[in-house]
Structure formats: C-alpha cells, structure tokens
C-alpha atoms as a PDB file:
ATOM      1  CA  MET A   1       0.738  96.304   7.097  1.00  0.00           C
ATOM      2  CA  ARG A   2      -1.007  99.026   5.144  1.00  0.00           C
ATOM      3  CA  LYS A   3       0.899 101.962   3.752  1.00  0.00           C
ATOM      4  CA  GLY A   4      -0.733 104.394   6.212  1.00  0.00           C
ATOM      5  CA  GLN A   5       0.041 102.170   9.182  1.00  0.00           C
ATOM      6  CA  ALA A   6       3.656 101.775   8.078  1.00  0.00           C
ATOM      7  CA  LEU A   7       4.037 105.537   7.733  1.00  0.00           C
ATOM      8  CA  PHE A   8       2.549 106.058  11.205  1.00  0.00           C
ATOM      9  CA  PHE A   9       4.900 103.434  12.668  1.00  0.00           C
ATOM     10  CA  LEU A  10       7.952 105.022  11.049  1.00  0.00           C
ATOM     11  CA  THR A  11       6.878 108.456  12.297  1.00  0.00           C
ATOM     12  CA  VAL A  12       6.555 107.157  15.863  1.00  0.00           C
ATOM     13  CA  VAL A  13       9.985 105.492  15.678  1.00  0.00           C
ATOM     14  CA  ALA A  14      11.573 108.645  14.263  1.00  0.00           C
ATOM     15  CA  ALA A  15      10.011 110.768  16.995  1.00  0.00           C
ATOM     16  CA  ALA A  16      11.193 108.354  19.685  1.00  0.00           C
ATOM     17  CA  LEU A  17      14.719 108.417  18.292  1.00  0.00           C
ATOM     18  CA  LEU A  18      14.658 112.210  18.134  1.00  0.00           C
ATOM     19  CA  LEU A  19      13.513 112.509  21.736  1.00  0.00           C
ATOM     20  CA  SER A  20      16.074 110.032  23.042  1.00  0.00           C
ATOM     21  CA  LEU A  21      19.113 110.797  20.879  1.00  0.00           C
ATOM     22  CA  TYR A  22      19.033 114.418  19.653  1.00  0.00           C
ATOM     23  CA  PRO A  23      21.712 116.329  21.615  1.00  0.00           C
ATOM     24  CA  LEU A  24      20.737 119.597  23.285  1.00  0.00           C
ATOM     25  CA  ASP A  25      23.080 122.393  24.357  1.00  0.00           C
ATOM     26  CA  SER A  26      22.699 121.354  27.994  1.00  0.00           C
ATOM     27  CA  TYR A  27      23.894 118.612  30.290  1.00  0.00           C
ATOM     28  CA  ILE A  28      22.233 116.488  32.946  1.00  0.00           C
ATOM     29  CA  THR A  29      23.914 115.565  36.218  1.00  0.00           C
ATOM     30  CA  ARG A  30      22.780 112.905  38.660  1.00  0.00           C
ATOM     31  CA  PRO A  31      24.191 111.035  41.682  1.00  0.00           C
ATOM     32  CA  GLY A  32      27.122 108.908  40.594  1.00  0.00           C
ATOM     33  CA  ASN A  33      28.947 106.086  42.331  1.00  0.00           C
ATOM     34  CA  ALA A  34      31.301 105.335  45.172  1.00  0.00           C
ATOM     35  CA  PHE A  35      34.769 104.319  43.961  1.00  0.00           C
ATOM     36  CA  GLU A  36      36.661 102.349  46.584  1.00  0.00           C
ATOM     37  CA  LEU A  37      40.195 103.728  46.614  1.00  0.00           C
ATOM     38  CA  ALA A  38      42.187 100.697  47.739  1.00  0.00           C
ATOM     39  CA  PRO A  39      42.149  99.156  44.223  1.00  0.00           C
ATOM     40  CA  LEU A  40      43.247 102.500  42.723  1.00  0.00           C
ATOM     41  CA  VAL A  41      46.037 103.373  45.170  1.00  0.00           C
ATOM     42  CA  GLU A  42      49.078 101.193  45.814  1.00  0.00           C
ATOM     43  CA  VAL A  43      51.810 102.202  48.248  1.00  0.00           C
ATOM     44  CA  GLU A  44      54.841  99.940  47.907  1.00  0.00           C
ATOM     45  CA  ASN A  45      54.783  97.423  50.779  1.00  0.00           C
ATOM     46  CA  GLY A  46      51.843  99.346  52.226  1.00  0.00           C
ATOM     47  CA  ASP A  47      49.465  97.988  54.843  1.00  0.00           C
ATOM     48  CA  GLU A  48      46.468  96.332  53.161  1.00  0.00           C
ATOM     49  CA  ASP A  49      44.858  94.481  56.086  1.00  0.00           C
ATOM     50  CA  ASP A  50      41.920  96.850  56.480  1.00  0.00           C
ATOM     51  CA  GLU A  51      38.379  95.815  57.329  1.00  0.00           C
ATOM     52  CA  GLY A  52      36.655  99.020  56.220  1.00  0.00           C
ATOM     53  CA  THR A  53      36.820 101.053  53.010  1.00  0.00           C
ATOM     54  CA  LEU A  54      37.643 104.582  51.901  1.00  0.00           C
ATOM     55  CA  SER A  55      35.803 105.781  48.789  1.00  0.00           C
ATOM     56  CA  LEU A  56      35.526 108.884  46.637  1.00  0.00           C
ATOM     57  CA  MET A  57      32.133 109.967  45.348  1.00  0.00           C
ATOM     58  CA  THR A  58      31.282 110.994  41.813  1.00  0.00           C
ATOM     59  CA  VAL A  59      28.573 112.895  39.970  1.00  0.00           C
ATOM     60  CA  THR A  60      27.543 111.509  36.584  1.00  0.00           C
ATOM     61  CA  MET A  61      27.236 114.018  33.718  1.00  0.00           C
ATOM     62  CA  MET A  62      25.359 113.245  30.490  1.00  0.00           C
ATOM     63  CA  GLN A  63      24.587 115.145  27.304  1.00  0.00           C
ATOM     64  CA  ALA A  64      20.955 116.255  27.479  1.00  0.00           C
ATOM     65  CA  THR A  65      18.397 114.934  25.011  1.00  0.00           C
ATOM     66  CA  PRO A  66      14.749 116.054  24.861  1.00  0.00           C
ATOM     67  CA  ALA A  67      13.608 112.949  26.761  1.00  0.00           C
ATOM     68  CA  LEU A  68      16.369 113.192  29.362  1.00  0.00           C
ATOM     69  CA  TYR A  69      15.750 116.928  29.755  1.00  0.00           C
ATOM     70  CA  ALA A  70      12.070 116.300  30.493  1.00  0.00           C
ATOM     71  CA  TRP A  71      12.927 113.541  32.951  1.00  0.00           C
ATOM     72  CA  ALA A  72      15.456 115.741  34.775  1.00  0.00           C
ATOM     73  CA  ASN A  73      12.712 118.256  35.497  1.00  0.00           C
ATOM     74  CA  ILE A  74      10.783 115.761  37.615  1.00  0.00           C
ATOM     75  CA  ALA A  75      13.306 113.162  38.859  1.00  0.00           C
ATOM     76  CA  ASP A  76      14.919 113.441  42.293  1.00  0.00           C
ATOM     77  CA  GLY A  77      18.640 114.093  42.222  1.00  0.00           C
ATOM     78  CA  TYR A  78      18.782 115.179  38.582  1.00  0.00           C
ATOM     79  CA  LYS A  79      19.928 118.661  37.541  1.00  0.00           C
ATOM     80  CA  ILE A  80      20.030 120.543  34.248  1.00  0.00           C
ATOM     81  CA  VAL A  81      23.239 122.526  33.710  1.00  0.00           C
ATOM     82  CA  ARG A  82      24.394 124.787  30.914  1.00  0.00           C
ATOM     83  CA  PRO A  83      27.948 124.442  29.519  1.00  0.00           C
ATOM     84  CA  GLU A  84      28.896 127.917  30.780  1.00  0.00           C
ATOM     85  CA  GLU A  85      28.180 126.790  34.344  1.00  0.00           C
ATOM     86  CA  PHE A  86      31.183 124.456  34.387  1.00  0.00           C
ATOM     87  CA  ARG A  87      33.344 125.390  31.391  1.00  0.00           C
ATOM     88  CA  ASN A  88      35.630 128.384  31.210  1.00  0.00           C
ATOM     89  CA  PRO A  89      35.004 130.991  28.478  1.00  0.00           C
ATOM     90  CA  HIS A  90      36.194 129.783  25.036  1.00  0.00           C
ATOM     91  CA  GLU A  91      36.781 126.284  26.433  1.00  0.00           C
ATOM     92  CA  SER A  92      35.843 123.330  24.230  1.00  0.00           C
ATOM     93  CA  GLU A  93      34.611 120.017  25.600  1.00  0.00           C
ATOM     94  CA  ASN A  94      38.025 118.482  24.924  1.00  0.00           C
ATOM     95  CA  GLU A  95      39.794 121.331  26.706  1.00  0.00           C
ATOM     96  CA  TYR A  96      37.391 120.970  29.635  1.00  0.00           C
ATOM     97  CA  ASN A  97      38.221 117.263  29.883  1.00  0.00           C
ATOM     98  CA  VAL A  98      41.960 117.981  29.734  1.00  0.00           C
ATOM     99  CA  ARG A  99      41.608 120.584  32.498  1.00  0.00           C
ATOM    100  CA  GLN A 100      39.657 118.144  34.661  1.00  0.00           C
ATOM    101  CA  LEU A 101      42.360 115.504  34.300  1.00  0.00           C
ATOM    102  CA  GLN A 102      45.019 118.086  35.185  1.00  0.00           C
ATOM    103  CA  LEU A 103      43.049 119.114  38.257  1.00  0.00           C
ATOM    104  CA  MET A 104      42.820 115.472  39.316  1.00  0.00           C
ATOM    105  CA  SER A 105      46.582 115.105  38.841  1.00  0.00           C
ATOM    106  CA  ALA A 106      47.276 118.189  40.957  1.00  0.00           C
ATOM    107  CA  SER A 107      44.816 116.946  43.566  1.00  0.00           C
ATOM    108  CA  GLN A 108      46.638 113.630  43.802  1.00  0.00           C
ATOM    109  CA  LEU A 109      49.991 115.369  44.164  1.00  0.00           C
ATOM    110  CA  ASN A 110      48.662 117.415  47.078  1.00  0.00           C
ATOM    111  CA  ALA A 111      47.124 114.286  48.604  1.00  0.00           C
ATOM    112  CA  ILE A 112      50.473 112.488  48.462  1.00  0.00           C
ATOM    113  CA  GLN A 113      52.307 115.419  50.051  1.00  0.00           C
ATOM    114  CA  VAL A 114      49.839 115.667  52.906  1.00  0.00           C
ATOM    115  CA  ALA A 115      49.682 111.922  53.609  1.00  0.00           C
ATOM    116  CA  TYR A 116      53.434 111.334  53.390  1.00  0.00           C
ATOM    117  CA  GLY A 117      54.126 114.387  55.523  1.00  0.00           C
ATOM    118  CA  GLU A 118      51.667 113.228  58.194  1.00  0.00           C
ATOM    119  CA  ALA A 119      53.179 109.728  58.172  1.00  0.00           C
ATOM    120  CA  GLY A 120      56.739 111.058  58.380  1.00  0.00           C
ATOM    121  CA  GLU A 121      57.770 109.573  55.022  1.00  0.00           C
ATOM    122  CA  GLU A 122      60.039 111.185  52.429  1.00  0.00           C
ATOM    123  CA  PHE A 123      58.930 112.955  49.254  1.00  0.00           C
ATOM    124  CA  ASN A 124      60.317 115.497  46.810  1.00  0.00           C
ATOM    125  CA  VAL A 125      58.363 117.801  44.482  1.00  0.00           C
ATOM    126  CA  SER A 126      59.952 119.025  41.251  1.00  0.00           C
ATOM    127  CA  ARG A 127      58.789 121.401  38.505  1.00  0.00           C
ATOM    128  CA  GLU A 128      58.606 119.776  35.087  1.00  0.00           C
ATOM    129  CA  GLY A 129      57.045 122.473  32.940  1.00  0.00           C
ATOM    130  CA  VAL A 130      53.783 124.166  32.051  1.00  0.00           C
ATOM    131  CA  PHE A 131      50.677 122.102  31.338  1.00  0.00           C
ATOM    132  CA  VAL A 132      48.516 123.628  28.568  1.00  0.00           C
ATOM    133  CA  THR A 133      44.815 123.413  29.423  1.00  0.00           C
ATOM    134  CA  ASN A 134      43.250 125.849  26.955  1.00  0.00           C
ATOM    135  CA  ILE A 135      44.210 127.838  23.853  1.00  0.00           C
ATOM    136  CA  LEU A 136      42.369 131.085  23.187  1.00  0.00           C
ATOM    137  CA  PRO A 137      40.712 131.638  19.807  1.00  0.00           C
ATOM    138  CA  ASP A 138      42.902 133.698  17.451  1.00  0.00           C
ATOM    139  CA  ALA A 139      45.850 133.434  19.849  1.00  0.00           C
ATOM    140  CA  ALA A 140      49.458 133.041  18.747  1.00  0.00           C
ATOM    141  CA  ALA A 141      49.499 129.372  19.762  1.00  0.00           C
ATOM    142  CA  GLU A 142      46.192 128.456  18.090  1.00  0.00           C
ATOM    143  CA  GLY A 143      46.662 125.526  15.713  1.00  0.00           C
ATOM    144  CA  ILE A 144      50.217 124.974  16.956  1.00  0.00           C
ATOM    145  CA  LEU A 145      50.012 123.902  20.585  1.00  0.00           C
ATOM    146  CA  GLU A 146      47.374 121.455  21.824  1.00  0.00           C
ATOM    147  CA  PRO A 147      45.522 121.008  25.136  1.00  0.00           C
ATOM    148  CA  GLY A 148      47.527 118.544  27.186  1.00  0.00           C
ATOM    149  CA  ASP A 149      50.928 119.678  25.878  1.00  0.00           C
ATOM    150  CA  ARG A 150      53.599 120.035  28.563  1.00  0.00           C
ATOM    151  CA  ILE A 151      55.915 122.933  27.760  1.00  0.00           C
ATOM    152  CA  ALA A 152      59.398 122.044  28.995  1.00  0.00           C
ATOM    153  CA  ALA A 153      61.415 124.913  27.489  1.00  0.00           C
ATOM    154  CA  ILE A 154      61.202 128.129  25.475  1.00  0.00           C
ATOM    155  CA  ASP A 155      64.141 129.065  23.273  1.00  0.00           C
ATOM    156  CA  GLY A 156      66.106 126.288  24.940  1.00  0.00           C
ATOM    157  CA  ARG A 157      65.570 127.749  28.399  1.00  0.00           C
ATOM    158  CA  GLU A 158      64.341 124.954  30.640  1.00  0.00           C
ATOM    159  CA  TYR A 159      61.443 125.727  32.901  1.00  0.00           C
ATOM    160  CA  GLU A 160      62.446 126.474  36.506  1.00  0.00           C
ATOM    161  CA  SER A 161      59.489 128.330  37.965  1.00  0.00           C
ATOM    162  CA  LEU A 162      56.172 129.787  36.864  1.00  0.00           C
ATOM    163  CA  GLU A 163      57.481 133.278  37.591  1.00  0.00           C
ATOM    164  CA  LYS A 164      60.498 132.863  35.313  1.00  0.00           C
ATOM    165  CA  PHE A 165      58.315 131.434  32.559  1.00  0.00           C
ATOM    166  CA  LEU A 166      56.056 134.496  32.685  1.00  0.00           C
ATOM    167  CA  ASP A 167      58.941 136.936  33.090  1.00  0.00           C
ATOM    168  CA  TYR A 168      60.665 135.602  29.982  1.00  0.00           C
ATOM    169  CA  LEU A 169      57.585 136.005  27.814  1.00  0.00           C
ATOM    170  CA  SER A 170      56.723 139.417  29.258  1.00  0.00           C
ATOM    171  CA  GLY A 171      60.000 140.770  27.949  1.00  0.00           C
ATOM    172  CA  LYS A 172      59.081 139.896  24.378  1.00  0.00           C
ATOM    173  CA  GLU A 173      57.346 142.014  21.737  1.00  0.00           C
ATOM    174  CA  ALA A 174      54.652 141.214  19.183  1.00  0.00           C
ATOM    175  CA  GLY A 175      56.133 139.595  16.081  1.00  0.00           C
ATOM    176  CA  GLU A 176      59.055 137.949  17.870  1.00  0.00           C
ATOM    177  CA  ILE A 177      59.403 134.220  17.245  1.00  0.00           C
ATOM    178  CA  VAL A 178      60.011 131.771  20.066  1.00  0.00           C
ATOM    179  CA  THR A 179      60.752 128.049  19.889  1.00  0.00           C
ATOM    180  CA  VAL A 180      58.590 126.030  22.245  1.00  0.00           C
ATOM    181  CA  THR A 181      59.709 122.552  23.290  1.00  0.00           C
ATOM    182  CA  ALA A 182      56.873 120.408  24.601  1.00  0.00           C
ATOM    183  CA  ASP A 183      55.957 116.851  25.462  1.00  0.00           C
ATOM    184  CA  ARG A 184      52.912 115.678  23.516  1.00  0.00           C
ATOM    185  CA  ASN A 185      51.586 112.228  24.369  1.00  0.00           C
ATOM    186  CA  GLY A 186      55.052 110.964  25.229  1.00  0.00           C
ATOM    187  CA  ARG A 187      56.961 112.474  22.303  1.00  0.00           C
ATOM    188  CA  THR A 188      58.969 115.695  22.126  1.00  0.00           C
ATOM    189  CA  VAL A 189      57.850 118.378  19.686  1.00  0.00           C
ATOM    190  CA  GLU A 190      59.431 121.732  18.828  1.00  0.00           C
ATOM    191  CA  GLU A 191      57.243 124.475  17.443  1.00  0.00           C
ATOM    192  CA  GLU A 192      58.045 128.012  16.325  1.00  0.00           C
ATOM    193  CA  ILE A 193      55.393 130.498  17.423  1.00  0.00           C
ATOM    194  CA  THR A 194      55.125 134.158  16.477  1.00  0.00           C
ATOM    195  CA  LEU A 195      54.099 136.038  19.603  1.00  0.00           C
ATOM    196  CA  ALA A 196      51.067 138.307  19.462  1.00  0.00           C
ATOM    197  CA  GLU A 197      48.734 140.238  21.717  1.00  0.00           C
ATOM    198  CA  ILE A 198      46.749 137.907  23.937  1.00  0.00           C
ATOM    199  CA  PRO A 199      43.064 138.098  22.895  1.00  0.00           C
ATOM    200  CA  GLY A 200      40.970 139.945  25.448  1.00  0.00           C
ATOM    201  CA  SER A 201      43.998 141.198  27.382  1.00  0.00           C
ATOM    202  CA  ASP A 202      45.179 144.726  28.093  1.00  0.00           C
ATOM    203  CA  GLY A 203      47.795 144.560  25.374  1.00  0.00           C
ATOM    204  CA  ARG A 204      49.939 141.835  26.903  1.00  0.00           C
ATOM    205  CA  ILE A 205      52.070 139.803  24.534  1.00  0.00           C
ATOM    206  CA  GLY A 206      52.249 136.041  24.787  1.00  0.00           C
ATOM    207  CA  LEU A 207      51.220 132.626  23.527  1.00  0.00           C
ATOM    208  CA  GLY A 208      47.527 133.024  24.398  1.00  0.00           C
ATOM    209  CA  ILE A 209      47.214 129.862  26.447  1.00  0.00           C
ATOM    210  CA  ALA A 210      45.677 128.928  29.774  1.00  0.00           C
ATOM    211  CA  PHE A 211      48.051 126.760  31.751  1.00  0.00           C
ATOM    212  CA  ALA A 212      48.913 125.228  35.082  1.00  0.00           C
ATOM    213  CA  GLU A 213      52.211 124.401  36.695  1.00  0.00           C
ATOM    214  CA  ASP A 214      53.238 120.825  35.894  1.00  0.00           C
ATOM    215  CA  LEU A 215      54.676 119.258  39.036  1.00  0.00           C
ATOM    216  CA  GLU A 216      56.061 115.780  39.685  1.00  0.00           C
ATOM    217  CA  ILE A 217      56.543 114.041  43.015  1.00  0.00           C
ATOM    218  CA  GLU A 218      58.995 111.330  44.023  1.00  0.00           C
ATOM    219  CA  THR A 219      58.280 109.345  47.159  1.00  0.00           C
ATOM    220  CA  GLU A 220      59.829 106.754  49.427  1.00  0.00           C
ATOM    221  CA  PRO A 221      58.125 104.291  49.521  1.00  0.00           C
ATOM    222  CA  ASP A 222      56.920 104.425  45.921  1.00  0.00           C
ATOM    223  CA  ILE A 223      53.235 105.020  45.143  1.00  0.00           C
ATOM    224  CA  THR A 224      51.025 104.310  42.131  1.00  0.00           C
ATOM    225  CA  ILE A 225      47.586 105.830  41.563  1.00  0.00           C
ATOM    226  CA  GLN A 226      45.275 104.693  38.757  1.00  0.00           C
ATOM    227  CA  SER A 227      42.441 107.129  38.108  1.00  0.00           C
ATOM    228  CA  ASP A 228      42.444 107.757  34.360  1.00  0.00           C
ATOM    229  CA  ARG A 229      38.639 107.768  34.149  1.00  0.00           C
ATOM    230  CA  ILE A 230      38.098 110.271  36.959  1.00  0.00           C
ATOM    231  CA  GLY A 231      38.589 114.023  36.615  1.00  0.00           C
ATOM    232  CA  GLY A 232      38.429 117.088  38.812  1.00  0.00           C
ATOM    233  CA  PRO A 233      39.970 118.062  42.152  1.00  0.00           C
ATOM    234  CA  SER A 234      37.233 116.961  44.555  1.00  0.00           C
ATOM    235  CA  ALA A 235      38.790 113.632  45.604  1.00  0.00           C
ATOM    236  CA  GLY A 236      41.865 115.162  47.233  1.00  0.00           C
ATOM    237  CA  LEU A 237      40.803 114.527  50.828  1.00  0.00           C
ATOM    238  CA  MET A 238      39.801 110.905  50.255  1.00  0.00           C
ATOM    239  CA  PHE A 239      42.929 110.086  48.252  1.00  0.00           C
ATOM    240  CA  SER A 240      45.047 111.445  51.073  1.00  0.00           C
ATOM    241  CA  LEU A 241      43.219 109.364  53.686  1.00  0.00           C
ATOM    242  CA  GLU A 242      43.681 106.179  51.612  1.00  0.00           C
ATOM    243  CA  ILE A 243      47.382 106.874  51.069  1.00  0.00           C
ATOM    244  CA  TYR A 244      47.891 107.565  54.771  1.00  0.00           C
ATOM    245  CA  ASN A 245      45.982 104.400  55.675  1.00  0.00           C
ATOM    246  CA  GLN A 246      48.408 102.336  53.589  1.00  0.00           C
ATOM    247  CA  LEU A 247      51.455 104.104  55.037  1.00  0.00           C
ATOM    248  CA  VAL A 248      50.602 103.389  58.682  1.00  0.00           C
ATOM    249  CA  GLU A 249      50.086 100.064  60.415  1.00  0.00           C
ATOM    250  CA  GLU A 250      46.744 100.834  62.034  1.00  0.00           C
ATOM    251  CA  ASP A 251      43.461 100.609  60.132  1.00  0.00           C
ATOM    252  CA  ILE A 252      42.057 104.134  60.318  1.00  0.00           C
ATOM    253  CA  THR A 253      38.704 102.936  58.922  1.00  0.00           C
ATOM    254  CA  LYS A 254      38.116 100.712  61.984  1.00  0.00           C
ATOM    255  CA  GLY A 255      35.809  98.569  59.904  1.00  0.00           C
ATOM    256  CA  TYR A 256      33.524 101.340  58.600  1.00  0.00           C
ATOM    257  CA  ASP A 257      32.698 102.180  54.986  1.00  0.00           C
ATOM    258  CA  ILE A 258      33.810 105.797  54.707  1.00  0.00           C
ATOM    259  CA  ALA A 259      33.360 108.218  51.838  1.00  0.00           C
ATOM    260  CA  GLY A 260      33.609 111.944  51.357  1.00  0.00           C
ATOM    261  CA  THR A 261      34.640 114.771  49.147  1.00  0.00           C
ATOM    262  CA  GLY A 262      36.692 117.951  49.206  1.00  0.00           C
ATOM    263  CA  THR A 263      39.648 119.555  47.473  1.00  0.00           C
ATOM    264  CA  LEU A 264      42.946 119.463  49.342  1.00  0.00           C
ATOM    265  CA  THR A 265      45.781 121.980  49.361  1.00  0.00           C
ATOM    266  CA  ALA A 266      49.411 121.031  49.908  1.00  0.00           C
ATOM    267  CA  ASP A 267      49.147 122.214  53.516  1.00  0.00           C
ATOM    268  CA  GLY A 268      46.097 120.050  54.238  1.00  0.00           C
ATOM    269  CA  GLU A 269      43.196 122.493  53.959  1.00  0.00           C
ATOM    270  CA  VAL A 270      39.931 120.987  52.678  1.00  0.00           C
ATOM    271  CA  GLY A 271      38.002 123.085  50.156  1.00  0.00           C
ATOM    272  CA  ARG A 272      34.518 123.409  48.709  1.00  0.00           C
ATOM    273  CA  ILE A 273      33.294 121.264  45.809  1.00  0.00           C
ATOM    274  CA  GLY A 274      30.252 121.163  43.541  1.00  0.00           C
ATOM    275  CA  GLY A 275      27.450 118.606  43.576  1.00  0.00           C
ATOM    276  CA  ILE A 276      27.598 117.891  47.303  1.00  0.00           C
ATOM    277  CA  ASP A 277      23.873 117.071  47.420  1.00  0.00           C
ATOM    278  CA  GLN A 278      24.157 114.495  44.639  1.00  0.00           C
ATOM    279  CA  LYS A 279      27.232 112.944  46.249  1.00  0.00           C
ATOM    280  CA  VAL A 280      25.396 112.512  49.540  1.00  0.00           C
ATOM    281  CA  MET A 281      22.536 110.819  47.670  1.00  0.00           C
ATOM    282  CA  ALA A 282      25.007 108.501  45.948  1.00  0.00           C
ATOM    283  CA  ALA A 283      26.720 107.680  49.245  1.00  0.00           C
ATOM    284  CA  ASP A 284      23.382 106.824  50.822  1.00  0.00           C
ATOM    285  CA  GLN A 285      22.576 104.505  47.908  1.00  0.00           C
ATOM    286  CA  GLU A 286      25.948 102.785  48.421  1.00  0.00           C
ATOM    287  CA  ASP A 287      25.261 102.227  52.171  1.00  0.00           C
ATOM    288  CA  ILE A 288      28.193 104.392  53.279  1.00  0.00           C
ATOM    289  CA  ASP A 289      28.538 104.694  57.080  1.00  0.00           C
ATOM    290  CA  ILE A 290      30.451 107.978  57.364  1.00  0.00           C
ATOM    291  CA  PHE A 291      30.626 110.907  54.932  1.00  0.00           C
ATOM    292  CA  PHE A 292      33.193 113.724  55.203  1.00  0.00           C
ATOM    293  CA  ALA A 293      31.937 117.097  53.891  1.00  0.00           C
ATOM    294  CA  PRO A 294      33.932 120.357  53.608  1.00  0.00           C
ATOM    295  CA  ASP A 295      32.935 122.846  56.301  1.00  0.00           C
ATOM    296  CA  ASP A 296      33.904 125.741  54.074  1.00  0.00           C
ATOM    297  CA  GLU A 297      33.398 129.440  54.688  1.00  0.00           C
ATOM    298  CA  THR A 298      32.031 131.069  51.531  1.00  0.00           C
ATOM    299  CA  GLY A 299      30.293 134.258  52.525  1.00  0.00           C
ATOM    300  CA  ASP A 300      26.536 134.119  52.050  1.00  0.00           C
ATOM    301  CA  LEU A 301      26.565 130.613  50.528  1.00  0.00           C
ATOM    302  CA  LEU A 302      25.706 127.603  52.644  1.00  0.00           C
ATOM    303  CA  SER A 303      28.734 125.470  53.385  1.00  0.00           C
ATOM    304  CA  ASN A 304      29.054 122.062  51.765  1.00  0.00           C
ATOM    305  CA  TYR A 305      28.555 120.532  55.196  1.00  0.00           C
ATOM    306  CA  SER A 306      25.303 122.439  55.790  1.00  0.00           C
ATOM    307  CA  VAL A 307      23.891 121.253  52.454  1.00  0.00           C
ATOM    308  CA  ALA A 308      25.084 117.687  53.059  1.00  0.00           C
ATOM    309  CA  ALA A 309      23.513 117.583  56.522  1.00  0.00           C
ATOM    310  CA  ARG A 310      20.202 118.889  55.164  1.00  0.00           C
ATOM    311  CA  ILE A 311      20.121 116.315  52.353  1.00  0.00           C
ATOM    312  CA  ALA A 312      20.967 113.519  54.773  1.00  0.00           C
ATOM    313  CA  GLU A 313      18.087 114.574  57.024  1.00  0.00           C
ATOM    314  CA  GLU A 314      15.681 114.670  54.075  1.00  0.00           C
ATOM    315  CA  LEU A 315      16.799 111.182  53.035  1.00  0.00           C
ATOM    316  CA  GLY A 316      16.365 109.856  56.558  1.00  0.00           C
ATOM    317  CA  THR A 317      19.728 108.120  56.291  1.00  0.00           C
ATOM    318  CA  ASP A 318      21.718 106.638  59.173  1.00  0.00           C
ATOM    319  CA  MET A 319      24.923 107.835  57.489  1.00  0.00           C
ATOM    320  CA  GLU A 320      26.963 110.174  59.696  1.00  0.00           C
ATOM    321  CA  ILE A 321      27.816 113.516  58.034  1.00  0.00           C
ATOM    322  CA  VAL A 322      31.102 114.840  59.430  1.00  0.00           C
ATOM    323  CA  PRO A 323      32.303 118.438  58.865  1.00  0.00           C
ATOM    324  CA  VAL A 324      36.006 118.874  58.066  1.00  0.00           C
ATOM    325  CA  ARG A 325      38.155 121.884  57.357  1.00  0.00           C
ATOM    326  CA  THR A 326      41.528 120.140  57.294  1.00  0.00           C
ATOM    327  CA  PHE A 327      43.015 116.690  56.743  1.00  0.00           C
ATOM    328  CA  ASP A 328      43.812 116.610  60.474  1.00  0.00           C
ATOM    329  CA  ASP A 329      40.115 117.148  61.263  1.00  0.00           C
ATOM    330  CA  ALA A 330      39.289 113.921  59.427  1.00  0.00           C
ATOM    331  CA  LEU A 331      42.074 111.990  61.161  1.00  0.00           C
ATOM    332  CA  GLU A 332      41.068 113.279  64.583  1.00  0.00           C
ATOM    333  CA  TYR A 333      37.477 112.186  64.006  1.00  0.00           C
ATOM    334  CA  LEU A 334      38.577 108.698  62.908  1.00  0.00           C
ATOM    335  CA  GLU A 335      40.780 108.366  65.985  1.00  0.00           C
ATOM    336  CA  THR A 336      37.721 108.834  68.219  1.00  0.00           C
ATOM    337  CA  LEU A 337      35.757 106.039  66.530  1.00  0.00           C
ATOM    338  CA  GLN A 338      35.114 102.748  68.280  1.00  0.00           C
ATOM    339  CA  PRO A 339      35.693  99.715  65.991  1.00  0.00           C
ATOM    340  CA  ALA A 340      32.628  98.700  64.021  1.00  0.00           C
END
C-alpha cells in the first residue's frame, strides 16, 4: 500500500471512530424491552401456576455520538434528549442513577403495600432514615456525604420522621457542627459536618442535600424483588399486579401477555410517566396482548392513555390499550376478561 493510500485509509478509520464513539452532550432514547416480572418477584409460597405473563416496559437510553445523533433524527421511535430534560439542576450522572434506583425502591414499596392490602395480607412499614440522592455544589455536606448514603441519626438522635429530621436541623445556626451517622454500602460511617447556608436557598441552614425518606416494609408472607438493573418509578402498577397475582389463587392474567406502565402511590393511584410512546412501540414488538396506560389528568397535556392509543392506531397493532387511573381499575378490567 502506498503512503498516500495508507494515510487516506487511516483518515477514514479515524473519522469513522470519531463519528461512532465521540460522546456528545446529549442522549438518545429508543423503545426498550418487556421484562417479565415473574422471574423478578417471588412471594413466599406464592401461586406460580399462571398461563399468561405480566411485564414492565422500559425505554433504552444511550449516550449520543455524532453517528447515533444523525440516525436518531430519521429513525422511528428514537428521540434526542438533553441532560437537563431528565436530570435535576446540579445533578451528576451518578446522582441521577442513584435517584432512579431510589425511585424504583419507593415504587416497589408502594406496589407491595397496595397488593398486600388488596389481598388481605399483613405488612408493616417502618422509617429507617434519610436517603441522600444529591449533594449541592459548595454545600456543607459536599465531599463528606455521598449519594446513596442512608442517614440514620444526627447527633445520636435516631430518625423517627421526616418532620423531626427537618425540625432538628432548622433549629441550628451556621457554623454549628453536627455528627451524622449513615449507612454507606453496608457499613456505618460517622461524619462531622459544619452546617452552612444551603446554596440557592433563602438563608436556610442545613447540610445542602437532596433526600428522600428511606422506608422499609415487612410482609407476611415474605417477598423478594430483584430489579437492580432497572431504575425509576414507572413500574409501580405492574409490580403490584404481579405481587397480587402471586398472593391469590386465581390467575389474573387468564392466559394473556399483559404489560403496562404507571407510577403507583401507596393508596393505589396510577400516575403519569415519560416515554409512553416508546413503551407502546416496545410492547408491540414483544407481541403483548394488553397494555395498561395511565389515564392521567394533566391540564393541557394529552394523557398517557391518549398518546398510547394514538401510537397503537398508527402502528396498526392488535394490542388492546386500556386506560387506568387506579390499581382497582386494572383489576376490574382483568376480571371481565374471558380466558385466552
């Protein structure tokens, strides 16, 4: 190979690598997969003789590259999103991932409460501490606490409620030192933190963290959920249906492959999620029979159900799109089904 040809070849390879590997400050989302929940959820001595399936739907997110960015502009089902569209202000990618896992954990806890309550089984919810999801830049806790820490006590005072946690800190002044006891990846750490004004606040004094209440649930019968790779709150409804299906003798699927999406509160209300169009596309690709979509009321915005129904019509799918506002709505619909 001549020197000029070799140089041209190397230039082409370098350009191809640049287009396919160079990371841009954007992300690409596309239809994901259906995750059957039976392998992820295990209720002790639960009913497993079911002919149909219950699945959660996902949206796949990828770091944009020049080539992927160009493809997303023309490919069906692909979207280009900026980090600020899904991350909170001052939130790093790691903090975003931690928050998503915490939201999934909270979603599962709500799903368990709803399913066990509907099935008449026992459960007890206890408060374990404060789960740190984000630490503000230049805050008192920066470089001391970490995303994912679970604060169990401050100055030896064990956490009892979110209100008491906030009340205790609100009575402090800038410059005071508090001792924070936290669980970090299974080990206990104690850190001294000098309180300061929370960045961007109206003069409030505190640690400068974003947090969520860390709750634990004990059930009878026992339950195990394995979902380490999945984040976010949007699987609450489907988790609750799978748990309930294992708690009762009847097969609520009646032989159908059922999927859906929607957040779930502790009192069984189904809420709006993002990416409903891509989840419907993914469900259609997975040959799902029935898809539950939140029939949310959000002012001028189209409800998730309205978008899902439109996408299903455009796809020409035989999949049934079912609007739900509560967990009971989904159960009532399933009760009307004739066996497949």
